[in-house]
Amino acid sequence: MPQTILLQDWKYVSGSSEIVQAETGWLDLADFTDFAAYLSVKDLSGAPTIYYETSPSKDNDLFATMASVAPGAAGRTVSIVRYSSASEPLARWVRWRINAAAAYTLNFRVWVAAVPTG
């Protein structure tokens, strides 16, 4: 049975460059295999892309993208990562990163539904 975990409560960000989630918000999903990220967007301008990244340790250089989404409007987007078919499977730590080529604003929240191992 999946467990629901908050990856990011409502957050407003703006800018024109990369923003990485603070380490205090990263999820330790060592005991999980698959997950779905539920992105809710209240306010959006510009064209930011949200990347869901994973790493076996908290080493910044080891994080790799599992999934990405470029929300086109306010609403909800679901990204599913299955261990058996992901190009970059869940390692342990999960965080989000936002990047854009031009100025953007974004008010968002991310819930994760993760499937425990075994």
N, C-alpha and C. Protein backbone atom coordinates (compact mmCIF):
# COMPACT_ATOMS: atom_id res chain seq x y z
N MET A 1 0.84 -1.18 0.00
CA MET A 1 0.00 0.00 0.00
C MET A 1 0.89 1.25 0.00
N PRO A 2 0.70 2.17 -0.93
CA PRO A 2 1.54 3.38 -0.98
C PRO A 2 1.38 4.26 0.26
N GLN A 3 2.46 4.93 0.59
CA GLN A 3 2.44 5.92 1.67
C GLN A 3 2.53 7.31 1.06
N THR A 4 1.76 8.23 1.60
CA THR A 4 1.75 9.59 1.10
C THR A 4 2.65 10.46 1.96
N ILE A 5 3.58 11.17 1.30
CA ILE A 5 4.57 11.98 2.00
C ILE A 5 4.65 13.34 1.31
N LEU A 6 4.69 14.40 2.09
CA LEU A 6 4.81 15.75 1.53
C LEU A 6 6.26 16.04 1.19
N LEU A 7 6.54 16.25 -0.09
CA LEU A 7 7.89 16.63 -0.54
C LEU A 7 8.09 18.13 -0.41
N GLN A 8 7.04 18.91 -0.73
CA GLN A 8 7.13 20.37 -0.63
C GLN A 8 5.75 20.94 -0.36
N ASP A 9 5.61 21.65 0.78
CA ASP A 9 4.35 22.35 1.03
C ASP A 9 4.32 23.57 0.12
N TRP A 10 3.21 24.27 0.08
CA TRP A 10 3.05 25.41 -0.83
C TRP A 10 4.26 26.32 -0.75
N LYS A 11 4.82 26.61 -1.91
CA LYS A 11 6.01 27.45 -2.00
C LYS A 11 5.87 28.35 -3.22
N TYR A 12 6.20 29.61 -3.03
CA TYR A 12 6.20 30.58 -4.12
C TYR A 12 7.65 30.86 -4.48
N VAL A 13 8.00 30.67 -5.74
CA VAL A 13 9.35 30.95 -6.21
C VAL A 13 9.27 31.81 -7.46
N SER A 14 10.29 32.59 -7.66
CA SER A 14 10.39 33.38 -8.88
C SER A 14 11.86 33.56 -9.21
N GLY A 15 12.13 33.80 -10.47
CA GLY A 15 13.51 34.00 -10.88
C GLY A 15 13.68 33.71 -12.35
N SER A 16 14.91 33.56 -12.74
CA SER A 16 15.22 33.23 -14.13
C SER A 16 16.39 32.26 -14.18
N SER A 17 16.66 31.63 -13.05
CA SER A 17 17.76 30.66 -13.01
C SER A 17 17.33 29.45 -12.17
N GLU A 18 18.27 28.58 -11.94
CA GLU A 18 17.98 27.34 -11.23
C GLU A 18 17.74 27.55 -9.74
N ILE A 19 16.77 26.80 -9.21
CA ILE A 19 16.50 26.76 -7.77
C ILE A 19 16.46 25.29 -7.38
N VAL A 20 17.19 24.93 -6.31
CA VAL A 20 17.23 23.55 -5.83
C VAL A 20 16.61 23.53 -4.43
N GLN A 21 15.80 22.52 -4.17
CA GLN A 21 15.17 22.37 -2.86
C GLN A 21 16.24 22.30 -1.77
N ALA A 22 15.98 22.94 -0.65
CA ALA A 22 16.89 22.91 0.49
C ALA A 22 17.01 21.48 1.02
N GLU A 23 18.19 21.10 1.47
CA GLU A 23 18.45 19.75 1.93
C GLU A 23 17.50 19.30 3.04
N THR A 24 17.05 20.23 3.86
CA THR A 24 16.15 19.87 4.96
C THR A 24 14.81 19.32 4.46
N GLY A 25 14.47 19.56 3.20
CA GLY A 25 13.22 19.07 2.64
C GLY A 25 13.33 17.79 1.84
N TRP A 26 14.54 17.29 1.62
CA TRP A 26 14.72 16.08 0.82
C TRP A 26 14.07 14.89 1.52
N LEU A 27 13.53 13.97 0.73
CA LEU A 27 12.92 12.77 1.29
C LEU A 27 13.89 11.60 1.24
N ASP A 28 13.94 10.83 2.32
CA ASP A 28 14.71 9.60 2.37
C ASP A 28 13.75 8.46 2.02
N LEU A 29 13.85 7.98 0.79
CA LEU A 29 12.96 6.92 0.31
C LEU A 29 13.73 5.61 0.13
N ALA A 30 14.67 5.34 1.02
CA ALA A 30 15.50 4.13 0.93
C ALA A 30 14.66 2.86 1.00
N ASP A 31 13.53 2.89 1.66
CA ASP A 31 12.70 1.69 1.83
C ASP A 31 11.54 1.64 0.85
N PHE A 32 11.67 2.33 -0.28
CA PHE A 32 10.61 2.39 -1.27
C PHE A 32 11.16 2.06 -2.66
N THR A 33 10.28 1.62 -3.57
CA THR A 33 10.71 1.29 -4.93
C THR A 33 10.12 2.22 -5.98
N ASP A 34 8.83 2.38 -5.98
CA ASP A 34 8.15 3.19 -6.99
C ASP A 34 7.48 4.38 -6.31
N PHE A 35 7.27 5.45 -7.08
CA PHE A 35 6.52 6.57 -6.51
C PHE A 35 5.86 7.39 -7.59
N ALA A 36 4.87 8.14 -7.16
CA ALA A 36 4.20 9.10 -8.03
C ALA A 36 4.29 10.45 -7.35
N ALA A 37 4.69 11.46 -8.11
CA ALA A 37 4.78 12.82 -7.60
C ALA A 37 3.57 13.60 -8.11
N TYR A 38 2.82 14.18 -7.18
CA TYR A 38 1.62 14.95 -7.49
C TYR A 38 1.94 16.43 -7.34
N LEU A 39 2.10 17.10 -8.44
CA LEU A 39 2.43 18.52 -8.47
C LEU A 39 1.14 19.33 -8.58
N SER A 40 0.90 20.22 -7.63
CA SER A 40 -0.23 21.15 -7.69
C SER A 40 0.32 22.55 -7.93
N VAL A 41 -0.24 23.25 -8.89
CA VAL A 41 0.20 24.61 -9.23
C VAL A 41 -0.98 25.55 -9.07
N LYS A 42 -0.78 26.62 -8.28
CA LYS A 42 -1.82 27.64 -8.10
C LYS A 42 -1.60 28.84 -9.01
N ASP A 43 -0.35 29.20 -9.21
CA ASP A 43 -0.03 30.41 -9.96
C ASP A 43 1.21 30.12 -10.80
N LEU A 44 1.18 30.55 -12.06
CA LEU A 44 2.30 30.26 -12.96
C LEU A 44 2.41 31.36 -14.00
N SER A 45 3.63 31.82 -14.20
CA SER A 45 3.94 32.67 -15.35
C SER A 45 5.31 32.23 -15.85
N GLY A 46 5.52 32.38 -17.13
CA GLY A 46 6.77 31.90 -17.72
C GLY A 46 6.68 30.41 -17.98
N ALA A 47 7.87 29.80 -18.15
CA ALA A 47 7.89 28.38 -18.52
C ALA A 47 8.95 27.61 -17.73
N PRO A 48 8.77 27.49 -16.42
CA PRO A 48 9.74 26.72 -15.64
C PRO A 48 9.54 25.21 -15.83
N THR A 49 10.59 24.47 -15.62
CA THR A 49 10.53 23.01 -15.62
C THR A 49 10.91 22.52 -14.24
N ILE A 50 10.13 21.58 -13.70
CA ILE A 50 10.43 21.00 -12.40
C ILE A 50 11.01 19.61 -12.64
N TYR A 51 12.16 19.36 -12.03
CA TYR A 51 12.84 18.08 -12.14
C TYR A 51 12.76 17.37 -10.80
N TYR A 52 12.41 16.08 -10.82
CA TYR A 52 12.46 15.24 -9.62
C TYR A 52 13.76 14.45 -9.72
N GLU A 53 14.61 14.61 -8.72
CA GLU A 53 15.94 14.02 -8.77
C GLU A 53 16.17 13.05 -7.63
N THR A 54 17.09 12.10 -7.84
CA THR A 54 17.42 11.12 -6.82
C THR A 54 18.93 10.91 -6.74
N SER A 55 19.37 10.47 -5.57
CA SER A 55 20.79 10.19 -5.35
C SER A 55 20.91 9.15 -4.24
N PRO A 56 21.96 8.30 -4.29
CA PRO A 56 22.16 7.34 -3.21
C PRO A 56 22.72 7.98 -1.94
N SER A 57 23.24 9.21 -2.07
CA SER A 57 23.78 9.94 -0.91
C SER A 57 23.41 11.41 -1.05
N LYS A 58 23.74 12.20 -0.07
CA LYS A 58 23.42 13.63 -0.12
C LYS A 58 24.49 14.43 -0.87
N ASP A 59 25.25 13.77 -1.71
CA ASP A 59 26.28 14.42 -2.53
C ASP A 59 25.60 15.08 -3.73
N ASN A 60 25.69 16.39 -3.81
CA ASN A 60 25.02 17.17 -4.86
C ASN A 60 25.36 16.66 -6.26
N ASP A 61 26.59 16.23 -6.47
CA ASP A 61 27.03 15.79 -7.79
C ASP A 61 26.43 14.46 -8.23
N LEU A 62 25.84 13.71 -7.31
CA LEU A 62 25.28 12.40 -7.65
C LEU A 62 23.80 12.43 -8.00
N PHE A 63 23.13 13.56 -7.80
CA PHE A 63 21.70 13.63 -8.11
C PHE A 63 21.49 13.54 -9.62
N ALA A 64 20.52 12.71 -10.00
CA ALA A 64 20.15 12.52 -11.41
C ALA A 64 18.64 12.67 -11.54
N THR A 65 18.20 13.11 -12.69
CA THR A 65 16.78 13.35 -12.94
C THR A 65 16.04 12.03 -13.20
N MET A 66 14.97 11.81 -12.43
CA MET A 66 14.08 10.65 -12.65
C MET A 66 12.92 11.02 -13.56
N ALA A 67 12.41 12.24 -13.39
CA ALA A 67 11.26 12.70 -14.16
C ALA A 67 11.27 14.22 -14.17
N SER A 68 10.61 14.79 -15.15
CA SER A 68 10.48 16.25 -15.20
C SER A 68 9.11 16.61 -15.74
N VAL A 69 8.69 17.82 -15.39
CA VAL A 69 7.39 18.30 -15.86
C VAL A 69 7.49 19.80 -16.08
N ALA A 70 6.90 20.26 -17.17
CA ALA A 70 6.82 21.69 -17.47
C ALA A 70 5.35 22.07 -17.43
N PRO A 71 4.85 22.50 -16.26
CA PRO A 71 3.43 22.82 -16.17
C PRO A 71 3.06 23.95 -17.11
N GLY A 72 1.94 23.79 -17.81
CA GLY A 72 1.51 24.81 -18.76
C GLY A 72 0.48 25.76 -18.17
N ALA A 73 -0.09 25.38 -17.03
CA ALA A 73 -1.13 26.20 -16.40
C ALA A 73 -1.32 25.72 -14.98
N ALA A 74 -2.12 26.45 -14.23
CA ALA A 74 -2.46 26.01 -12.88
C ALA A 74 -3.22 24.69 -12.99
N GLY A 75 -3.05 23.85 -11.99
CA GLY A 75 -3.71 22.55 -11.99
C GLY A 75 -2.81 21.50 -11.38
N ARG A 76 -3.08 20.23 -11.70
CA ARG A 76 -2.35 19.12 -11.11
C ARG A 76 -1.70 18.29 -12.20
N THR A 77 -0.47 17.85 -11.94
CA THR A 77 0.27 16.99 -12.86
C THR A 77 0.85 15.83 -12.05
N VAL A 78 0.73 14.62 -12.57
CA VAL A 78 1.27 13.43 -11.90
C VAL A 78 2.43 12.88 -12.71
N SER A 79 3.55 12.63 -12.02
CA SER A 79 4.72 12.00 -12.64
C SER A 79 4.96 10.68 -11.93
N ILE A 80 4.99 9.58 -12.67
CA ILE A 80 5.17 8.25 -12.09
C ILE A 80 6.56 7.72 -12.42
N VAL A 81 7.24 7.20 -11.40
CA VAL A 81 8.57 6.61 -11.57
C VAL A 81 8.50 5.18 -11.05
N ARG A 82 8.65 4.22 -11.96
CA ARG A 82 8.66 2.80 -11.59
C ARG A 82 10.10 2.29 -11.64
N TYR A 83 10.51 1.63 -10.58
CA TYR A 83 11.88 1.13 -10.50
C TYR A 83 12.23 0.24 -11.68
N SER A 84 11.29 -0.61 -12.09
CA SER A 84 11.56 -1.59 -13.14
C SER A 84 11.73 -0.99 -14.53
N SER A 85 11.21 0.20 -14.76
CA SER A 85 11.27 0.76 -16.11
C SER A 85 11.85 2.17 -16.20
N ALA A 86 12.24 2.76 -15.08
CA ALA A 86 12.75 4.13 -15.09
C ALA A 86 14.15 4.20 -15.70
N SER A 87 14.40 5.22 -16.48
CA SER A 87 15.75 5.40 -17.02
C SER A 87 16.72 5.74 -15.88
N GLU A 88 16.22 6.38 -14.84
CA GLU A 88 16.99 6.66 -13.62
C GLU A 88 16.10 6.26 -12.45
N PRO A 89 16.26 5.05 -11.91
CA PRO A 89 15.38 4.58 -10.84
C PRO A 89 15.65 5.26 -9.51
N LEU A 90 14.70 5.18 -8.63
CA LEU A 90 14.81 5.74 -7.29
C LEU A 90 16.03 5.14 -6.59
N ALA A 91 16.92 6.02 -6.09
CA ALA A 91 18.14 5.56 -5.42
C ALA A 91 17.94 5.59 -3.90
N ARG A 92 17.74 6.77 -3.34
CA ARG A 92 17.42 6.93 -1.91
C ARG A 92 16.83 8.30 -1.67
N TRP A 93 17.64 9.33 -1.84
CA TRP A 93 17.20 10.70 -1.57
C TRP A 93 16.45 11.25 -2.76
N VAL A 94 15.38 12.01 -2.50
CA VAL A 94 14.58 12.64 -3.55
C VAL A 94 14.43 14.12 -3.24
N ARG A 95 14.59 14.93 -4.26
CA ARG A 95 14.42 16.38 -4.14
C ARG A 95 13.86 16.91 -5.45
N TRP A 96 13.46 18.19 -5.45
CA TRP A 96 13.04 18.84 -6.67
C TRP A 96 14.06 19.92 -7.03
N ARG A 97 14.07 20.25 -8.31
CA ARG A 97 14.90 21.34 -8.83
C ARG A 97 14.09 22.03 -9.90
N ILE A 98 14.17 23.35 -9.97
CA ILE A 98 13.44 24.12 -10.98
C ILE A 98 14.45 24.87 -11.84
N ASN A 99 14.20 24.87 -13.13
CA ASN A 99 15.06 25.59 -14.05
C ASN A 99 14.20 26.23 -15.14
N ALA A 100 14.66 27.35 -15.65
CA ALA A 100 13.95 28.03 -16.73
C ALA A 100 14.93 28.88 -17.51
N ALA A 101 14.61 29.11 -18.77
CA ALA A 101 15.47 29.92 -19.63
C ALA A 101 15.16 31.41 -19.50
N ALA A 102 14.01 31.74 -18.94
CA ALA A 102 13.60 33.14 -18.80
C ALA A 102 12.88 33.31 -17.46
N ALA A 103 12.51 34.53 -17.14
CA ALA A 103 11.85 34.84 -15.86
C ALA A 103 10.55 34.05 -15.70
N TYR A 104 10.30 33.62 -14.47
CA TYR A 104 9.09 32.87 -14.17
C TYR A 104 8.67 33.13 -12.73
N THR A 105 7.40 32.82 -12.44
CA THR A 105 6.89 32.76 -11.07
C THR A 105 6.10 31.46 -10.97
N LEU A 106 6.14 30.87 -9.80
CA LEU A 106 5.48 29.58 -9.62
C LEU A 106 5.09 29.42 -8.16
N ASN A 107 3.84 29.07 -7.92
CA ASN A 107 3.34 28.75 -6.58
C ASN A 107 2.91 27.28 -6.66
N PHE A 108 3.61 26.41 -5.93
CA PHE A 108 3.39 24.98 -6.11
C PHE A 108 3.51 24.19 -4.81
N ARG A 109 3.02 22.95 -4.87
CA ARG A 109 3.15 21.98 -3.77
C ARG A 109 3.34 20.61 -4.41
N VAL A 110 4.11 19.72 -3.74
CA VAL A 110 4.34 18.37 -4.26
C VAL A 110 4.11 17.34 -3.16
N TRP A 111 3.19 16.41 -3.43
CA TRP A 111 2.97 15.24 -2.58
C TRP A 111 3.56 14.04 -3.32
N VAL A 112 4.06 13.07 -2.58
CA VAL A 112 4.59 11.85 -3.16
C VAL A 112 3.82 10.67 -2.57
N ALA A 113 3.40 9.76 -3.45
CA ALA A 113 2.82 8.49 -3.00
C ALA A 113 3.86 7.43 -3.35
N ALA A 114 4.49 6.84 -2.32
CA ALA A 114 5.60 5.91 -2.52
C ALA A 114 5.22 4.49 -2.10
N VAL A 115 5.70 3.52 -2.87
CA VAL A 115 5.40 2.10 -2.61
C VAL A 115 6.57 1.49 -1.84
N PRO A 116 6.32 0.97 -0.64
CA PRO A 116 7.39 0.36 0.15
C PRO A 116 7.94 -0.93 -0.49
N THR A 117 9.20 -1.23 -0.25
CA THR A 117 9.78 -2.47 -0.73
C THR A 117 9.17 -3.63 0.03
N GLY A 118 9.18 -4.79 -0.61
CA GLY A 118 8.70 -6.01 0.06
C GLY A 118 7.27 -6.08 0.08
